[in-house]
Protein backbone atom coordinates (compact mmCIF):
# COMPACT_ATOMS: atom_id res chain seq x y z
CA UNK A 1 9.22 -29.93 0.75
CA UNK A 2 9.14 -27.80 3.94
CA UNK A 3 5.65 -26.91 5.17
CA UNK A 4 4.90 -23.35 6.33
CA UNK A 5 1.89 -21.84 8.11
CA UNK A 6 1.34 -18.08 8.35
CA UNK A 7 -1.27 -15.33 8.29
CA UNK A 8 -1.66 -14.05 4.74
CA UNK A 9 -3.56 -11.62 2.52
CA UNK A 10 -4.31 -12.23 -1.16
CA UNK A 11 -2.75 -9.32 -3.08
CA UNK A 12 -2.90 -10.68 -6.64
CA UNK A 13 -2.93 -13.66 -8.93
CA UNK A 14 -3.57 -15.01 -12.40
CA UNK A 15 -4.77 -18.18 -14.09
CA UNK A 16 -2.42 -21.03 -14.91
CA UNK A 17 -3.20 -23.66 -17.55
CA UNK A 18 -6.81 -24.91 -17.58
CA UNK A 19 -7.57 -25.56 -13.93
CA UNK A 20 -4.92 -23.97 -11.73
CA UNK A 21 -4.25 -20.48 -10.44
CA UNK A 22 -1.14 -18.67 -9.24
CA UNK A 23 -1.95 -16.62 -6.14
CA UNK A 24 0.21 -13.85 -4.71
CA UNK A 25 0.03 -13.45 -0.93
CA UNK A 26 1.55 -10.97 1.44
CA UNK A 27 2.32 -13.01 4.54
CA UNK A 28 3.14 -12.09 8.11
CA UNK A 29 6.26 -14.24 8.40
CA UNK A 30 7.38 -14.85 4.81
CA UNK A 31 6.74 -11.57 3.01
CA UNK A 32 5.48 -11.78 -0.57
CA UNK A 33 4.82 -15.39 -1.54
CA UNK A 34 3.67 -16.80 -4.89
CA UNK A 35 2.03 -20.21 -4.83
CA UNK A 36 0.01 -22.49 -7.09
CA UNK A 37 -3.55 -23.42 -6.14
CA UNK A 38 -3.98 -26.68 -8.03
CA UNK A 39 -7.51 -27.21 -9.33
CA UNK A 40 -8.67 -23.82 -8.06
CA UNK A 41 -10.63 -23.09 -11.25
CA UNK A 42 -12.57 -26.34 -11.32
CA UNK A 43 -16.30 -26.21 -10.57
CA UNK A 44 -15.77 -28.35 -7.52
CA UNK A 45 -12.67 -27.13 -5.77
CA UNK A 46 -11.63 -27.32 -2.15
CA UNK A 47 -10.59 -23.68 -2.29
CA UNK A 48 -14.09 -22.40 -3.08
CA UNK A 49 -14.01 -18.59 -3.19
CA UNK A 50 -11.26 -18.29 -0.61
CA UNK A 51 -8.59 -17.00 -2.98
CA UNK A 52 -10.29 -13.76 -4.01
CA UNK A 53 -8.43 -10.46 -3.86
CA UNK A 54 -8.11 -8.92 -0.36
CA UNK A 55 -9.09 -12.15 1.43
CA UNK A 56 -7.23 -12.64 4.71
CA UNK A 57 -6.62 -16.01 6.33
CA UNK A 58 -4.29 -18.73 7.48
CA UNK A 59 -2.08 -19.98 4.65
CA UNK A 60 -0.43 -23.38 4.73
CA UNK A 61 1.94 -23.96 1.82
CA UNK A 62 4.72 -26.25 0.70
CA UNK A 63 7.97 -24.43 -0.01
CA UNK A 64 9.79 -25.48 -3.15
CA UNK A 65 13.47 -24.87 -2.29
CA UNK A 66 15.39 -22.59 -4.67
CA UNK A 67 12.16 -21.61 -6.44
CA UNK A 68 9.86 -18.60 -6.12
CA UNK A 69 6.67 -20.51 -6.94
CA UNK A 70 5.38 -22.72 -4.14
CA UNK A 71 2.31 -24.92 -3.63
CA UNK A 72 -0.77 -24.08 -1.57
CA UNK A 73 -1.91 -26.79 0.79
CA UNK A 74 -4.69 -24.89 2.55
CA UNK A 75 -6.05 -21.37 2.98
CA UNK A 76 -8.52 -20.88 5.83
CA UNK A 77 -10.34 -17.55 5.54
CA UNK A 78 -10.59 -15.32 8.60
CA UNK A 79 -11.77 -12.13 6.85
CA UNK A 80 -13.24 -12.13 3.35
CA UNK A 81 -13.31 -8.32 2.91
CA UNK A 82 -16.26 -8.84 0.57
CA UNK A 83 -17.37 -5.21 1.00
CA UNK A 84 -14.18 -4.04 -0.69
CA UNK A 85 -14.99 -6.04 -3.82
CA UNK A 86 -18.60 -4.83 -4.02
CA UNK A 87 -18.10 -1.04 -3.74
CA UNK A 88 -16.26 0.49 -6.70
CA UNK A 89 -14.57 3.32 -4.80
CA UNK A 90 -13.40 1.03 -2.00
CA UNK A 91 -12.38 -1.61 -4.54
CA UNK A 92 -10.07 0.83 -6.32
CA UNK A 93 -8.60 2.16 -3.06
CA UNK A 94 -7.94 -1.33 -1.71
CA UNK A 95 -6.50 -2.39 -5.08
CA UNK A 96 -4.12 0.56 -4.92
CA UNK A 97 -3.01 -0.52 -1.44
CA UNK A 98 -2.21 -4.12 -2.40
CA UNK A 99 -0.60 -3.03 -5.68
CA UNK A 100 1.68 -0.64 -3.80
CA UNK A 101 2.72 -3.38 -1.37
CA UNK A 102 3.33 -5.86 -4.19
CA UNK A 103 5.47 -3.33 -6.06
CA UNK A 104 7.39 -2.14 -3.02
CA UNK A 105 8.80 -5.40 -1.69
CA UNK A 106 10.92 -8.23 -3.02
CA UNK A 107 9.89 -11.88 -3.03
CA UNK A 108 9.90 -13.56 0.40
CA UNK A 109 11.22 -10.48 2.21
CA UNK A 110 9.71 -10.80 5.69
CA UNK A 111 8.27 -7.53 6.98
CA UNK A 112 5.73 -8.16 9.79
CA UNK A 113 5.00 -4.45 10.37
CA UNK A 114 4.03 -4.05 6.72
CA UNK A 115 1.66 -7.00 6.99
CA UNK A 116 -0.01 -5.38 10.01
CA UNK A 117 -0.28 -2.05 8.16
CA UNK A 118 -1.95 -3.66 5.15
CA UNK A 119 -4.32 -5.74 7.29
CA UNK A 120 -5.34 -2.65 9.27
CA UNK A 121 -5.86 -0.62 6.09
CA UNK A 122 -8.13 -3.22 4.48
CA UNK A 123 -10.09 -3.55 7.71
CA UNK A 124 -10.60 0.21 7.99
CA UNK A 125 -11.42 0.70 4.31
CA UNK A 126 -14.46 -1.55 4.69
CA UNK A 127 -16.26 0.77 7.08
CA UNK A 128 -14.44 4.10 6.92
CA UNK A 129 -16.56 7.21 6.42
CA UNK A 130 -13.55 8.80 4.69
CA UNK A 131 -11.73 5.92 2.97
CA UNK A 132 -9.67 8.28 0.80
CA UNK A 133 -8.20 9.83 3.95
CA UNK A 134 -7.36 6.40 5.34
CA UNK A 135 -5.47 5.71 2.12
CA UNK A 136 -3.32 8.82 2.48
CA UNK A 137 -2.35 7.66 5.96
CA UNK A 138 -1.58 4.22 4.54
CA UNK A 139 0.69 5.69 1.87
CA UNK A 140 2.58 7.79 4.42
CA UNK A 141 3.18 4.79 6.66
CA UNK A 142 4.08 2.61 3.67
CA UNK A 143 6.74 5.10 2.61
CA UNK A 144 8.08 5.10 6.17
CA UNK A 145 8.28 1.31 6.34
CA UNK A 146 10.00 1.15 2.96
CA UNK A 147 12.56 3.66 4.24
CA UNK A 148 11.41 6.63 2.16
CA UNK A 149 9.24 8.73 4.46
CA UNK A 150 9.39 12.34 3.19
CA UNK A 151 11.24 14.79 5.43
CA UNK A 152 8.52 17.24 6.45
CA UNK A 153 10.12 19.27 9.26
CA UNK A 154 13.32 20.72 7.84
CA UNK A 155 14.98 21.39 4.50
CA UNK A 156 16.71 18.24 3.32
CA UNK A 157 19.62 20.28 1.91
CA UNK A 158 20.51 22.88 4.55
CA UNK A 159 18.72 21.22 7.50
CA UNK A 160 17.05 24.44 8.59
CA UNK A 161 13.55 24.11 10.10
CA UNK A 162 10.77 25.00 7.66
CA UNK A 163 7.68 26.66 9.18
CA UNK A 164 4.33 25.59 7.77
CA UNK A 165 3.64 29.08 6.42
CA UNK A 166 6.93 29.26 4.49
CA UNK A 167 7.11 29.30 0.71
CA UNK A 168 8.28 25.69 0.71
CA UNK A 169 8.44 23.04 -1.98
CA UNK A 170 8.84 19.28 -2.02
CA UNK A 171 11.34 17.22 -3.99
CA UNK A 172 10.88 13.44 -4.43
CA UNK A 173 14.47 13.07 -5.58
CA UNK A 174 15.85 14.89 -2.54
CA UNK A 175 13.43 13.16 -0.19
CA UNK A 176 11.30 15.96 1.21
CA UNK A 177 11.07 19.68 1.95
CA UNK A 178 13.19 22.28 0.20
CA UNK A 179 13.33 25.75 1.74
CA UNK A 180 13.11 28.88 -0.47
CA UNK A 181 16.87 29.46 -0.20
CA UNK A 182 17.76 26.01 -1.55
CA UNK A 183 15.11 25.79 -4.26
CA UNK A 184 17.27 27.20 -7.11
CA UNK A 185 19.63 24.21 -6.77
CA UNK A 186 16.89 21.56 -7.09
CA UNK A 187 15.19 20.52 -10.32
CA UNK A 188 12.26 18.27 -9.36
CA UNK A 189 10.27 20.72 -7.26
CA UNK A 190 6.57 21.22 -6.72
CA UNK A 191 4.96 23.70 -4.37
CA UNK A 192 3.14 22.57 -1.24
CA UNK A 193 0.47 24.65 0.47
CA UNK A 194 0.62 25.32 4.19
CA UNK A 195 -2.63 23.36 4.65
CA UNK A 196 -1.28 20.28 2.86
CA UNK A 197 2.03 20.47 4.70
CA UNK A 198 0.23 20.77 8.03
CA UNK A 199 -1.89 17.73 7.20
CA UNK A 200 1.12 15.66 6.15
CA UNK A 201 2.99 16.55 9.32
CA UNK A 202 0.06 15.59 11.52
CA UNK A 203 -0.78 12.42 9.60
CA UNK A 204 2.80 11.12 9.67
CA UNK A 205 2.54 10.73 13.43
CA UNK A 206 -1.05 9.45 13.54
CA UNK A 207 -2.52 5.97 13.35
CA UNK A 208 -4.75 4.90 10.47
CA UNK A 209 -7.79 4.87 12.75
CA UNK A 210 -7.29 8.55 13.52
CA UNK A 211 -7.29 9.36 9.80
CA UNK A 212 -10.99 8.55 9.43
CA UNK A 213 -11.85 11.22 12.03
CA UNK A 214 -9.96 14.09 10.42
CA UNK A 215 -11.80 16.91 8.66
CA UNK A 216 -10.06 18.22 5.56
CA UNK A 217 -11.09 20.42 2.65
CA UNK A 218 -11.54 18.53 -0.65
CA UNK A 219 -8.90 20.63 -2.41
CA UNK A 220 -6.37 19.91 0.34
CA UNK A 221 -7.11 16.18 0.15
CA UNK A 222 -6.59 16.33 -3.60
CA UNK A 223 -3.25 18.09 -3.14
CA UNK A 224 -2.10 15.58 -0.52
CA UNK A 225 -3.12 12.70 -2.78
CA UNK A 226 -1.10 14.14 -5.66
CA UNK A 227 1.95 14.73 -3.43
CA UNK A 228 2.01 11.20 -2.07
CA UNK A 229 1.35 9.82 -5.54
CA UNK A 230 4.47 11.59 -6.84
CA UNK A 231 6.59 10.23 -3.99
CA UNK A 232 5.26 6.70 -4.49
CA UNK A 233 5.99 6.81 -8.22
CA UNK A 234 9.53 7.93 -7.45
CA UNK A 235 10.08 5.14 -4.91
CA UNK A 236 8.38 2.35 -6.86
CA UNK A 237 9.77 3.40 -10.22
CA UNK A 238 6.37 3.40 -11.93
CA UNK A 239 2.84 4.74 -11.46
CA UNK A 240 0.22 2.60 -9.77
CA UNK A 241 -2.40 1.44 -12.28
CA UNK A 242 -5.14 1.44 -9.65
CA UNK A 243 -4.31 5.00 -8.61
CA UNK A 244 -4.46 6.19 -12.21
CA UNK A 245 -7.87 4.54 -12.59
CA UNK A 246 -9.09 6.21 -9.39
CA UNK A 247 -7.97 9.61 -10.66
CA UNK A 248 -10.00 9.08 -13.84
CA UNK A 249 -13.28 8.45 -11.99
C-alpha cells in the first residue's frame, strides 16, 4: 500500500466496531480523506487524544488503492485547538466550518487553498473577539473557492451596476444581485439592505484577519449571516446542522 504524508485537520469521524474509529481529515495535498485508526478507542492507544475534532497535525496514512477508506499510520499533532472544544459558541462555529468543508468537496479532491482557509479560520476562531464575523468571512471565501461566490457588484441578469443604495435583492439560484428592473422575472428573491450589501462587498475582498477588526451592528450581522446561510444551503443542497443549532441558541 502506498504511504502518504500530509498536513491534515480532523473534520469528523465515528466509531467502528469495538476498538477502532473512522476519522475524516481534510488534508493539504489529498483533499478529504477517510481512514481507520485501529485500536483508537482502547484505553492504551498510541493515538491518545490526537484524533479529536479540529485537531491539526501531520498525517501519515496507507492508501488502499481503489478504496475510499484508508489506514492511519501516524498523526502528529501540531495544533490541538482545544479552546474550540471548550467554549460552546466557538465549538458550534468551528463545527459549522468543518461541516461546510466536508459537505462541499468530494473524496480525495485536492484543494490546497481550501485547506489553508480552514486552518486559518480555526486558528482565528480560537482568539477572535468577534468569532461570528470571522465565520461570515470564512463562508464568503468558501463560496468563492467552491466556485459560487455571489455576484455583488452588478445584476446577474442584465449586467448593470447596482449601487449600494438601490432597492436590490439577492437570488441564490441566479447567483447574486438582481436589480429592481429584473426582479419580476426571478422567483427566489430576498431583499438585501444597503448596510448588509456594503458589508458583503467589503468582506469579499478582505482577509479573515481583517474580519475580526470590523465594527458592525448586530442586526446587520444577523442579516449577513442569514444571506450567506441561504447561499450555502443552495450550493450544498442541504442546511448545515451546526448552523441550525447555532441559530437556536
